[in-house]
């Protein structure tokens, strides 16, 4: 079995050693090199025929991680996993890196001096392995890139504002999902039915993610708080480290936020959201499974379909990682498999058809 070849770029010698130790413990991974800054990294990488995954720090001397990532994705596109801090600036920078072309990110591991171990080791290994199988596309130079955000192309004609409160679009995503969610929501008009999203992200990142989307979309986007009402024109994103579930409250639907045990190793979990939607919403929901690794959400989506919801999965060709959609398809949870650009129109049309039938 060929091992995944990883190159580490970080200005901290301790962090380079920690990452090397974590990754080298897995027999399927080989750390083939490391460097303390992007310029030294580029010199060494030019001598190597194959690098499967690059781990990249953000703040480094001589050239910052974002500038290097932008140049790399134009000259030699490859899967990149960002290694980020949990600061407000670190969150914003990491989200920008995902826009440029990074596959995923991990928060910086910490060394337990007493036991000689590091936290997040399993997560780092899993994300590097997922990145090795990810679809990576070359980034166009800034001069050739589109300078304006896409305008919404989908339309909501299904019902009045009041009637639309009975229809909710439920979305699950993981690896590659930040950009997929952005592209999907950018096609929704401001009067679309309420949207609830579970995207696998740690705490602090989800707030930055919601604020970034809120400035790009016609719908209002916010990190969910316990008891928030699900309303047309608004998107609620599950906060990092908390599950989000949907519950009926009289004639309204609200979200409930809890910090009970992880499900499928995740908190927030897509299964937690989708299973609650199956119970609370039944046929009043459209479920969408976007790019991501693992199987979180597949059982919940099957429960939603069995309860009468319409269900969509992103197709393999447009996924960064075709893991969660593939498992959902295999388990009979998916009614339609679509390219990312087609999902908004179909989801809104199904929502409109359901309200019309009411």
Foldseek 3Di string as FASTA:
>chain_A
DAAAEEEEEALDPVLVVQLQVLQVVDPRHDHPYYYNHLVVVVVVVVVDPDHLEYEFEADGPPDGRQVSLLVCLAPPWHAYEYAFALDLVRLLVVLVSLVSWHFYYDYRWDADVVVRHIPCSVVVNVVRVLSSPFDTHRGDPPVPDDPDADAADADFPQDDQVLLQLAEEEEEEEGSVLVLVLLLQNNYAQQFFFYEYEYFDAAPNVQSSQVVSCVRHSARGGADDAFAWGGGSYYYYDGHQWAWAWADDVPTIGIHIGNDDADQPTVHFLLRHLQRCLVHRQQRYEYEYAADADATNLVSLQSNVVSNHAYEYEDPVQHRGCHNSVSNVVVVSHDYYYHSNCVNNVRSVSNSVVSVVD
